[in-house]
Amino acid sequence: MIHISGSGADEHIELS
């Protein structure tokens, strides 16, 4: 599962 949260320079991607 790929989850992307945040916006602009504060975004991060979680792989699980």
N, C-alpha and C. Protein backbone atom coordinates (compact mmCIF):
# COMPACT_ATOMS: atom_id res chain seq x y z
N MET A 1 0.85 -1.19 0.00
CA MET A 1 0.00 0.00 0.00
C MET A 1 0.88 1.24 0.00
N ILE A 2 0.49 2.22 -0.80
CA ILE A 2 1.23 3.48 -0.84
C ILE A 2 0.33 4.58 -0.31
N HIS A 3 0.80 5.30 0.68
CA HIS A 3 0.02 6.39 1.25
C HIS A 3 0.85 7.67 1.20
N ILE A 4 0.27 8.70 0.57
CA ILE A 4 0.95 9.99 0.47
C ILE A 4 0.15 11.03 1.25
N SER A 5 0.82 11.73 2.14
CA SER A 5 0.13 12.75 2.91
C SER A 5 0.99 14.01 3.01
N GLY A 6 0.38 15.12 3.39
CA GLY A 6 1.08 16.38 3.46
C GLY A 6 0.98 17.11 2.14
N SER A 7 1.61 18.27 2.05
CA SER A 7 1.57 19.04 0.82
C SER A 7 2.84 19.88 0.70
N GLY A 8 3.19 20.24 -0.51
CA GLY A 8 4.38 21.06 -0.73
C GLY A 8 5.64 20.34 -0.29
N ALA A 9 6.49 21.02 0.45
CA ALA A 9 7.77 20.46 0.86
C ALA A 9 7.62 19.56 2.09
N ASP A 10 6.40 19.47 2.62
CA ASP A 10 6.18 18.71 3.85
C ASP A 10 5.56 17.34 3.59
N GLU A 11 5.39 17.02 2.30
CA GLU A 11 4.74 15.75 1.98
C GLU A 11 5.67 14.58 2.21
N HIS A 12 5.10 13.42 2.52
CA HIS A 12 5.90 12.22 2.73
C HIS A 12 5.16 11.02 2.20
N ILE A 13 5.90 9.98 1.83
CA ILE A 13 5.32 8.77 1.26
C ILE A 13 5.60 7.59 2.18
N GLU A 14 4.55 6.83 2.47
CA GLU A 14 4.72 5.64 3.31
C GLU A 14 4.47 4.39 2.48
N LEU A 15 5.39 3.44 2.56
CA LEU A 15 5.23 2.17 1.88
C LEU A 15 5.04 1.08 2.91
N SER A 16 3.95 0.34 2.81
CA SER A 16 3.69 -0.70 3.79
C SER A 16 2.92 -1.85 3.18
